[in-house]
Structures are given as structure tokens and as C-alpha cells.
Amino acid sequence: MATTPRTRRALPLLTAEQISTLKPELAEVIEYRKSGLSLNHVVGCPLDCGYCVRHLFDNFGMKVPRALMSDEDAVNLLTGHRYFQPHTTPIQLFNRATDPMLPVVKPHTVNVLRLLDELGLTNHVLVITRWRVFPEDCEVLNSFRNIKLTVLVTHSGIDHPGIEPVDSAIAAASLRTLYEYADRYRTILYWRPIVPGLNDTDDHIQRALQLSQTAHATVFTGLFFREQIADYYHAHGLPEPYDETARRKIMPEMSERRILEGFRRADDEDLPWGPLFRKTSCGVAYAHGEADYNGHYGIRELCDICPLAQLRLCREAWTTPDLDLVTRQARALGAVGEVEITERAIIVEGLDEPPRYFLQHSHGYQCHDRDKPHHYRRHGRADIGWPAA
């Protein structure tokens, strides 16, 4: 029988001297991402996924998880963060430097969830894993009464052992277990990263379609192919999927088209592609019966595959923010130049991602940087694999 989370001892804390040797971004345990404030006070992972974002933090070689601080201190830091809004700000746990369901990390995952729940918070909380989940874990996950918990199971279906050394059958089994025992939480098939020729064949698409039947929603997305990841591929003789790197995820148009063709339901007008989504927050919101908290409804071409009932829900909740209020907030956050609100998004200048995400989650309305436009149909994706504008 699997060991339950409560029977394991807490991870040892890194010393101040050890923390000082980490890349500053890794030592900063809270990062604001589009899907929420990300809490990462446990670092280190043995899973060796070749495309992992740990390459960006220079800790891919750190295989043994260690804690930067106690769970209590981490939760206090999170809830006291300048951008944290009770009942509003989405939260992510351990999605940057470890896997939250590793046996030695799992007790910390459960403890943080418990601490957040005991505060009476109703925020969305996202836990992303590709590791083993057992029925007794599901019992614990069902025990939280306040937080809106979603477990996203990363499943790539990539067979190349140098790129994906973790057998995708592990994630598939965890997804089925989570779905079978789900009560208060929801679970999502997180089909990623999709790479042309590697896991977007007809067979891969059909396997993902079958697996999607054991999830409350499916989200598909592409590959972060940054310079550090490209360097790792090159150094280890791995097949490099693209000739160039990009700041945003790469999801070629042809791969998306093939996926949509494979998921298309000709006999269901209400669910034309089933509960399939391009964006994480869209899948999470659907699974919980809510409107998208990232306001993607303003980017209508993203919504063309959404279930009709979800479209109505998002349309009813989607309202244009007050320009004067947004302008005052943006100025207080450091924005320069004109603040504009279009039918698609708030447009600002001089703000990096965290304050933009704060505005986005505050108003449920997209917030974009004027200097980094989101192109039609490529919203939030790299231009690689798409025809020239």
C-alpha cells in the first residue's frame, strides 16, 4: 500500500548559505504567472523531463527535493504578497521546480492546501503533476471545503526516453484514479508539450482523445523552447524540434489543426470538440462551472472550440472595466503612456507580467503589453509554425 502523505517527515531546509548559491529567481519562492501566483518553496526533482522549465533556473541537476522555508512561512508569504487577493487570485503549487506528488514533496503539498483551506479562502488552487496519485491521496484532496482545487495531470505521450524519461502510463493511471474518486476537486488532462512529429500523430491524438474521457476537461498546449532548453537538447544529442527559440510557447498551426480534426464531434452541436480548451484557465473554469478568470472571452477566436454552455457563462460574466479605475491602478503599478481598453484587452505600457496579471485577475479581462502584441489566432503563442501576418 502507498504511504499516505501524513506519515512522511518534512523535507530538510536549505541553509541560508545554500540558498545564496541558487539563481535569484529560484530563491524567490513566489512568481506571478498567468494562471496565478505560483508558490515554489520546494525545489529539486528527479524526473529529468528534457523540456522542463527547471533549465531556466539552472537547477536541472538538483535531483533531491529540498525546502527553502517551512510551509507555514510560505503560506504567510503568499497571502501577504502585494498581488494576492483573497477569493480572487488563482494559486499554483510547486509547478516550477519540483513535482507536487513526489512522495517526499506530497506532504508539503497537502499541508499547504490544508493551510489555505483553513483560512477560509475560496481561491482557485492548481496542482500540476505527472507522478503517481493513489485513492488515499484522492480522499485527502476531497477533504478541503473552501479552496477550489484542480489537479492537472501532465501527459505528453512522448516516447523518446531522452526527452520524456517518465512513462506516460504513470500520468494516465493517475488521471483515471483522480477522475474516478473526484468529489470536491476537479481533474484535467494537461496534454503537453505537443511537438510536431513527436506526439501529434494520429495515434497520439486518438490516445489523448480516449484519455480525455477520464477528465473533467482537456487542455492542450505547446513547448517552451528557450535557449537553455535548446542547449540541453544539443548537448545530449536530442532531436531539436525547431530551428529557433522563442519567448512564448510554440504551438504550430498544423498541429492544432490536426488535434481539432481528431477531437471534432460532428454529432454534438453543444460540445463540438468536447470539453477541449486552448488555455489552462478556460479548462479550470469549465471544470468548476465558472466563467474564465483570465477573461479570454475577449479573444473570440480562442473560444471557437468551447462548449456552448461555457460560452454563454463567460459572455454573461465578461464586462468591460472602467477606464478611469484601470488607469489609476495601472499608474500606481508603474504604467507609462496611454492606458487603453479595447473589446479584446486592457493595453498598457511599462508593466512587466506580474502587474499585468494582477490587473487581469482583478477585472477578469485580458491585459496586454502594447510592445508585445498578441496576434490574431496565435494569442499568447510564438509566431513559429504560423504563416506570416
Protein backbone atom coordinates (compact mmCIF):
# COMPACT_ATOMS: atom_id res chain seq x y z
CA MET A 1 0.00 0.00 0.00
CA ALA A 2 1.25 3.50 -0.79
CA THR A 3 2.46 5.60 2.10
CA THR A 4 -0.04 8.29 2.98
CA PRO A 5 1.10 11.92 2.96
CA ARG A 6 0.83 12.34 6.73
CA THR A 7 3.33 9.62 7.58
CA ARG A 8 6.36 11.26 5.96
CA ARG A 9 8.69 13.71 7.63
CA ALA A 10 9.13 17.26 6.35
CA LEU A 11 11.96 17.94 3.95
CA PRO A 12 15.14 19.44 5.40
CA LEU A 13 15.53 23.18 4.93
CA LEU A 14 18.32 24.58 2.82
CA THR A 15 20.68 26.80 4.79
CA ALA A 16 21.00 30.50 4.05
CA GLU A 17 24.39 29.79 2.51
CA GLN A 18 22.92 27.12 0.24
CA ILE A 19 20.06 29.41 -0.78
CA SER A 20 22.57 32.13 -1.65
CA THR A 21 24.07 29.83 -4.31
CA LEU A 22 20.74 29.46 -6.13
CA LYS A 23 19.77 31.58 -9.07
CA PRO A 24 17.89 34.59 -7.58
CA GLU A 25 14.71 33.72 -9.46
CA LEU A 26 14.74 30.25 -7.93
CA ALA A 27 15.28 31.59 -4.43
CA GLU A 28 12.27 33.87 -4.92
CA VAL A 29 9.54 31.44 -3.90
CA ILE A 30 6.59 33.38 -5.35
CA GLU A 31 6.22 34.12 -9.04
CA TYR A 32 3.16 35.60 -10.72
CA ARG A 33 2.19 33.59 -13.77
CA LYS A 34 -0.85 33.92 -15.99
CA SER A 35 -2.55 31.04 -14.24
CA GLY A 36 -1.89 32.57 -10.82
CA LEU A 37 0.55 33.29 -8.05
CA SER A 38 2.94 30.35 -8.08
CA LEU A 39 4.30 29.12 -4.74
CA ASN A 40 7.58 27.20 -5.02
CA HIS A 41 9.33 26.80 -1.68
CA VAL A 42 10.34 23.21 -2.51
CA VAL A 43 13.00 22.82 -5.22
CA GLY A 44 14.58 19.74 -6.79
CA CYS A 45 13.15 16.95 -8.93
CA PRO A 46 14.46 13.56 -10.12
CA LEU A 47 12.16 13.14 -13.13
CA ASP A 48 14.57 14.54 -15.79
CA CYS A 49 11.98 15.66 -18.36
CA GLY A 50 14.16 17.15 -21.11
CA TYR A 51 11.92 20.17 -21.75
CA CYS A 52 11.46 21.13 -18.08
CA VAL A 53 11.47 24.83 -17.17
CA ARG A 54 13.99 23.97 -14.45
CA HIS A 55 16.59 24.53 -17.16
CA LEU A 56 15.71 28.22 -16.97
CA PHE A 57 16.58 28.33 -13.27
CA ASP A 58 19.88 26.45 -13.55
CA ASN A 59 18.71 23.71 -11.19
CA PHE A 60 18.02 20.84 -13.55
CA GLY A 61 20.85 18.96 -11.83
CA MET A 62 19.18 19.31 -8.43
CA LYS A 63 17.52 15.90 -8.17
CA VAL A 64 16.80 15.70 -4.43
CA PRO A 65 13.94 17.98 -3.30
CA ARG A 66 14.74 20.46 -0.53
CA ALA A 67 12.69 23.17 1.13
CA LEU A 68 13.58 26.86 1.20
CA MET A 69 11.30 27.55 4.17
CA SER A 70 8.50 25.98 6.17
CA ASP A 71 5.04 25.54 4.70
CA GLU A 72 3.63 27.96 7.25
CA ASP A 73 6.11 30.67 6.34
CA ALA A 74 5.49 30.06 2.64
CA VAL A 75 1.71 30.41 3.02
CA ASN A 76 2.15 33.59 5.07
CA LEU A 77 4.41 34.96 2.35
CA LEU A 78 1.84 34.07 -0.30
CA THR A 79 -1.20 35.52 1.44
CA GLY A 80 0.77 38.65 2.38
CA HIS A 81 2.05 39.18 -1.16
CA ARG A 82 1.27 42.57 -2.67
CA TYR A 83 -0.63 40.97 -5.54
CA PHE A 84 -2.59 38.40 -3.53
CA GLN A 85 -6.35 38.98 -3.37
CA PRO A 86 -8.40 36.66 -1.14
CA HIS A 87 -11.03 34.70 -3.08
CA THR A 88 -9.76 36.15 -6.39
CA THR A 89 -6.11 35.44 -7.18
CA PRO A 90 -5.54 31.95 -8.64
CA ILE A 91 -2.77 29.97 -6.91
CA GLN A 92 -0.38 27.33 -8.26
CA LEU A 93 1.69 24.96 -6.12
CA PHE A 94 5.15 23.58 -6.93
CA ASN A 95 4.82 23.96 -10.70
CA ARG A 96 8.28 25.38 -11.36
CA ALA A 97 10.98 23.38 -9.60
CA THR A 98 9.56 20.02 -8.47
CA ASP A 99 6.54 17.73 -8.81
CA PRO A 100 3.96 18.14 -6.04
CA MET A 101 3.07 14.44 -5.90
CA LEU A 102 6.56 13.04 -5.44
CA PRO A 103 6.48 11.00 -2.20
CA VAL A 104 8.77 13.40 -0.31
CA VAL A 105 7.01 16.51 -1.66
CA LYS A 106 3.42 15.31 -1.27
CA PRO A 107 3.18 16.02 2.50
CA HIS A 108 4.11 19.65 1.80
CA THR A 109 1.53 19.85 -0.97
CA VAL A 110 -1.17 18.53 1.34
CA ASN A 111 -0.08 20.77 4.20
CA VAL A 112 -0.14 23.93 2.06
CA LEU A 113 -3.59 23.02 0.76
CA ARG A 114 -4.78 22.47 4.32
CA LEU A 115 -3.36 25.80 5.50
CA LEU A 116 -5.02 27.67 2.64
CA ASP A 117 -8.31 25.88 3.21
CA GLU A 118 -8.29 26.62 6.94
CA LEU A 119 -8.01 30.32 6.12
CA GLY A 120 -11.42 30.05 4.50
CA LEU A 121 -10.06 31.06 1.11
CA THR A 122 -12.12 30.19 -1.97
CA ASN A 123 -9.38 30.93 -4.49
CA HIS A 124 -8.68 28.55 -7.34
CA VAL A 125 -5.68 26.36 -6.45
CA LEU A 126 -3.92 24.44 -9.24
CA VAL A 127 -1.72 21.42 -8.59
CA ILE A 128 0.12 20.11 -11.67
CA THR A 129 1.65 16.63 -11.60
CA ARG A 130 2.84 13.82 -13.83
CA TRP A 131 3.55 11.41 -10.97
CA ARG A 132 1.62 8.74 -9.12
CA VAL A 133 -1.69 9.51 -7.41
CA PHE A 134 -3.43 6.88 -5.28
CA PRO A 135 -7.02 6.55 -3.99
CA GLU A 136 -5.91 7.59 -0.48
CA ASP A 137 -4.49 10.79 -1.98
CA CYS A 138 -7.86 11.48 -3.55
CA GLU A 139 -9.52 11.10 -0.15
CA VAL A 140 -7.28 13.83 1.20
CA LEU A 141 -7.83 16.07 -1.83
CA ASN A 142 -11.59 15.70 -1.41
CA SER A 143 -11.38 16.82 2.23
CA PHE A 144 -10.84 20.53 1.57
CA ARG A 145 -14.01 22.57 1.95
CA ASN A 146 -13.18 26.08 0.79
CA ILE A 147 -10.49 26.22 -1.89
CA LYS A 148 -11.44 25.36 -5.47
CA LEU A 149 -8.87 22.66 -6.14
CA THR A 150 -7.90 21.41 -9.59
CA VAL A 151 -5.34 18.68 -10.23
CA LEU A 152 -3.89 18.93 -13.72
CA VAL A 153 -2.17 15.77 -14.90
CA THR A 154 0.63 16.42 -17.38
CA HIS A 155 0.58 13.74 -20.07
CA SER A 156 2.71 14.09 -23.19
CA GLY A 157 2.62 10.66 -24.79
CA ILE A 158 6.20 11.30 -25.96
CA ASP A 159 8.07 8.02 -26.36
CA HIS A 160 11.62 9.33 -26.71
CA PRO A 161 13.37 8.39 -23.42
CA GLY A 162 15.85 11.24 -23.63
CA ILE A 163 13.09 13.81 -23.88
CA GLU A 164 10.43 12.10 -21.75
CA PRO A 165 12.03 9.55 -19.42
CA VAL A 166 8.86 9.29 -17.33
CA ASP A 167 6.50 6.68 -18.74
CA SER A 168 3.30 8.47 -19.77
CA ALA A 169 1.36 5.45 -18.49
CA ILE A 170 2.04 6.76 -14.97
CA ALA A 171 0.23 10.01 -15.68
CA ALA A 172 -2.58 8.17 -17.47
CA ALA A 173 -3.15 5.92 -14.45
CA SER A 174 -3.11 8.91 -12.09
CA LEU A 175 -5.65 10.76 -14.23
CA ARG A 176 -8.02 7.79 -14.20
CA THR A 177 -7.69 7.44 -10.43
CA LEU A 178 -8.27 11.14 -9.84
CA TYR A 179 -11.33 11.15 -12.08
CA GLU A 180 -12.81 8.04 -10.50
CA TYR A 181 -12.60 9.42 -6.95
CA ALA A 182 -13.25 13.11 -7.66
CA ASP A 183 -15.83 14.76 -5.46
CA ARG A 184 -14.87 18.25 -4.32
CA TYR A 185 -11.83 18.67 -6.58
CA ARG A 186 -11.64 18.53 -10.38
CA THR A 187 -9.04 16.95 -12.63
CA ILE A 188 -7.77 17.96 -16.07
CA LEU A 189 -5.84 16.17 -18.77
CA TYR A 190 -2.94 18.55 -19.37
CA TRP A 191 -1.77 17.37 -22.79
CA ARG A 192 1.62 18.97 -23.18
CA PRO A 193 4.05 19.75 -24.62
CA ILE A 194 2.80 18.97 -28.09
CA VAL A 195 5.67 18.79 -30.58
CA PRO A 196 5.21 18.19 -34.33
CA GLY A 197 6.10 14.65 -35.35
CA LEU A 198 6.82 13.63 -31.79
CA ASN A 199 3.38 13.36 -30.21
CA ASP A 200 0.87 14.81 -32.67
CA THR A 201 0.43 11.77 -34.92
CA ASP A 202 -3.00 10.25 -35.50
CA ASP A 203 -2.21 7.55 -32.93
CA HIS A 204 -1.17 10.10 -30.31
CA ILE A 205 -4.29 12.16 -30.92
CA GLN A 206 -6.56 9.14 -30.62
CA ARG A 207 -4.88 8.08 -27.38
CA ALA A 208 -5.34 11.57 -25.96
CA LEU A 209 -8.96 11.57 -27.09
CA GLN A 210 -9.57 8.29 -25.29
CA LEU A 211 -7.79 9.52 -22.17
CA SER A 212 -9.82 12.74 -22.19
CA GLN A 213 -12.88 10.66 -21.31
CA THR A 214 -11.44 10.31 -17.80
CA ALA A 215 -11.05 14.02 -17.10
CA HIS A 216 -13.39 16.93 -16.43
CA ALA A 217 -11.65 18.89 -19.19
CA THR A 218 -8.65 18.68 -21.52
CA VAL A 219 -6.14 21.46 -22.17
CA PHE A 220 -3.56 21.16 -24.94
CA THR A 221 -0.53 23.40 -25.33
CA GLY A 222 2.88 23.60 -26.95
CA LEU A 223 6.53 23.62 -26.00
CA PHE A 224 8.60 26.25 -24.24
CA PHE A 225 11.77 26.11 -26.32
CA ARG A 226 14.06 28.63 -24.70
CA GLU A 227 17.80 28.91 -25.27
CA GLN A 228 18.63 26.91 -22.13
CA ILE A 229 16.39 24.05 -23.24
CA ALA A 230 17.79 24.15 -26.78
CA ASP A 231 21.30 23.98 -25.32
CA TYR A 232 20.33 20.90 -23.30
CA TYR A 233 18.88 19.20 -26.37
CA HIS A 234 22.02 19.96 -28.37
CA ALA A 235 24.41 18.82 -25.64
CA HIS A 236 22.58 15.49 -25.27
CA GLY A 237 22.09 14.79 -28.95
CA LEU A 238 18.30 15.07 -28.75
CA PRO A 239 16.25 15.86 -31.88
CA GLU A 240 15.73 19.61 -31.84
CA PRO A 241 12.13 20.35 -32.82
CA TYR A 242 12.68 23.89 -34.05
CA ASP A 243 15.48 25.88 -35.67
CA GLU A 244 14.94 28.82 -33.34
CA THR A 245 13.86 29.54 -29.79
CA ALA A 246 11.02 31.73 -28.61
CA ARG A 247 9.85 33.62 -25.52
CA ARG A 248 6.36 32.16 -25.78
CA LYS A 249 5.17 28.58 -26.17
CA ILE A 250 5.39 27.16 -29.67
CA MET A 251 2.19 25.55 -30.94
CA PRO A 252 2.24 25.29 -34.74
CA GLU A 253 -0.94 25.84 -36.67
CA MET A 254 -0.73 22.44 -38.39
CA SER A 255 -0.51 20.58 -35.05
CA GLU A 256 -3.50 22.48 -33.71
CA ARG A 257 -5.49 21.78 -36.87
CA ARG A 258 -4.79 18.04 -36.66
CA ILE A 259 -5.81 17.95 -33.00
CA LEU A 260 -9.07 19.76 -33.66
CA GLU A 261 -9.85 17.44 -36.55
CA GLY A 262 -9.21 14.44 -34.30
CA PHE A 263 -11.42 15.72 -31.47
CA ARG A 264 -14.27 17.05 -33.65
CA ARG A 265 -17.73 15.72 -32.76
CA ALA A 266 -19.93 16.04 -35.80
CA ASP A 267 -23.00 14.84 -33.88
CA ASP A 268 -22.90 17.23 -30.91
CA GLU A 269 -23.62 20.91 -31.53
CA ASP A 270 -23.36 21.80 -27.83
CA LEU A 271 -19.97 20.15 -27.35
CA PRO A 272 -18.49 20.29 -30.86
CA TRP A 273 -14.99 19.34 -29.64
CA GLY A 274 -15.94 18.03 -26.23
CA PRO A 275 -14.52 19.84 -23.17
CA LEU A 276 -11.30 20.77 -25.04
CA PHE A 277 -9.54 24.08 -24.39
CA ARG A 278 -6.52 26.01 -25.61
CA LYS A 279 -5.92 27.80 -22.32
CA THR A 280 -5.39 26.43 -18.81
CA SER A 281 -7.73 28.84 -17.06
CA CYS A 282 -10.50 28.04 -19.56
CA GLY A 283 -10.31 24.34 -18.72
CA VAL A 284 -10.13 25.01 -14.98
CA ALA A 285 -13.09 27.38 -15.07
CA TYR A 286 -15.17 24.93 -17.10
CA ALA A 287 -14.40 22.08 -14.73
CA HIS A 288 -15.73 24.14 -11.82
CA GLY A 289 -18.73 25.54 -13.68
CA GLU A 290 -17.44 29.12 -13.68
CA ALA A 291 -16.52 31.80 -16.19
CA ASP A 292 -12.86 32.06 -17.17
CA TYR A 293 -11.00 34.16 -14.61
CA ASN A 294 -8.46 35.26 -17.24
CA GLY A 295 -11.09 36.94 -19.41
CA HIS A 296 -10.23 35.05 -22.58
CA TYR A 297 -13.76 35.63 -23.85
CA GLY A 298 -12.48 38.91 -25.29
CA ILE A 299 -10.23 36.92 -27.62
CA ARG A 300 -13.10 35.35 -29.52
CA GLU A 301 -11.02 33.17 -31.83
CA LEU A 302 -9.86 31.26 -28.73
CA CYS A 303 -13.47 30.44 -27.93
CA ASP A 304 -14.45 28.86 -31.23
CA ILE A 305 -13.99 25.32 -29.83
CA CYS A 306 -15.62 25.94 -26.44
CA PRO A 307 -18.79 24.17 -25.27
CA LEU A 308 -21.75 26.43 -25.99
CA ALA A 309 -22.87 26.46 -22.34
CA GLN A 310 -19.43 27.66 -21.31
CA LEU A 311 -19.51 30.39 -23.93
CA ARG A 312 -22.78 31.67 -22.50
CA LEU A 313 -21.35 31.58 -18.96
CA CYS A 314 -18.26 33.55 -19.95
CA ARG A 315 -20.28 36.03 -22.01
CA GLU A 316 -22.58 36.79 -19.08
CA ALA A 317 -19.66 37.36 -16.71
CA TRP A 318 -17.48 39.35 -19.12
CA THR A 319 -17.76 43.12 -18.68
CA THR A 320 -15.55 45.96 -19.85
CA PRO A 321 -13.71 47.53 -16.87
CA ASP A 322 -13.98 51.21 -16.04
CA LEU A 323 -11.19 53.05 -17.88
CA ASP A 324 -10.60 55.62 -15.12
CA LEU A 325 -10.28 52.91 -12.46
CA VAL A 326 -7.95 50.80 -14.57
CA THR A 327 -5.86 53.84 -15.45
CA ARG A 328 -5.43 54.75 -11.77
CA GLN A 329 -4.49 51.15 -10.91
CA ALA A 330 -2.07 50.86 -13.82
CA ARG A 331 -0.38 54.16 -12.96
CA ALA A 332 0.02 53.05 -9.34
CA LEU A 333 1.69 49.88 -10.62
CA GLY A 334 4.13 51.87 -12.76
CA ALA A 335 2.48 52.06 -16.18
CA VAL A 336 3.54 54.78 -18.58
CA GLY A 337 1.88 56.10 -21.70
CA GLU A 338 -1.77 55.71 -22.60
CA VAL A 339 -3.92 53.07 -20.94
CA GLU A 340 -6.44 51.72 -23.43
CA ILE A 341 -9.31 49.27 -23.16
CA THR A 342 -10.34 47.57 -26.37
CA GLU A 343 -13.01 44.96 -26.96
CA ARG A 344 -10.25 42.37 -26.54
CA ALA A 345 -7.98 43.56 -23.73
CA ILE A 346 -6.58 46.24 -21.49
CA ILE A 347 -3.49 47.67 -23.24
CA VAL A 348 -0.69 49.11 -21.12
CA GLU A 349 2.95 50.15 -21.43
CA GLY A 350 5.79 49.84 -18.95
CA LEU A 351 4.40 46.96 -16.90
CA ASP A 352 6.02 43.55 -16.77
CA GLU A 353 3.99 40.37 -16.37
CA PRO A 354 3.15 40.35 -12.60
CA PRO A 355 1.30 43.71 -12.51
CA ARG A 356 -0.40 42.91 -15.80
CA TYR A 357 -1.64 39.62 -14.36
CA PHE A 358 -2.81 41.47 -11.24
CA LEU A 359 -4.96 43.74 -13.41
CA GLN A 360 -6.13 40.76 -15.47
CA HIS A 361 -7.31 38.77 -12.46
CA SER A 362 -8.75 41.82 -10.74
CA HIS A 363 -11.07 42.54 -13.67
CA GLY A 364 -11.43 39.17 -15.37
CA TYR A 365 -10.26 40.90 -18.55
CA GLN A 366 -7.14 40.31 -20.62
CA CYS A 367 -4.25 42.73 -20.04
CA HIS A 368 -1.58 43.04 -22.75
CA ASP A 369 1.69 44.88 -23.22
CA ARG A 370 1.47 47.25 -26.18
CA ASP A 371 5.05 46.35 -27.15
CA LYS A 372 4.35 42.59 -27.16
CA PRO A 373 1.10 42.25 -29.11
CA HIS A 374 -0.93 39.05 -29.17
CA HIS A 375 -1.52 38.25 -32.82
CA TYR A 376 -4.83 37.01 -34.16
CA ARG A 377 -5.25 33.24 -33.66
CA ARG A 378 -1.76 32.97 -32.13
CA HIS A 379 -2.87 34.54 -28.87
CA GLY A 380 -0.04 34.11 -26.37
CA ARG A 381 1.92 31.79 -28.67
CA ALA A 382 5.14 32.18 -30.62
CA ASP A 383 4.94 33.03 -34.31
CA ILE A 384 6.88 29.86 -35.20
CA GLY A 385 4.74 27.48 -37.23
CA TRP A 386 2.21 30.12 -38.28
CA PRO A 387 2.01 31.94 -41.62
CA ALA A 388 3.33 35.48 -41.66
CA ALA A 389 0.81 38.06 -40.51
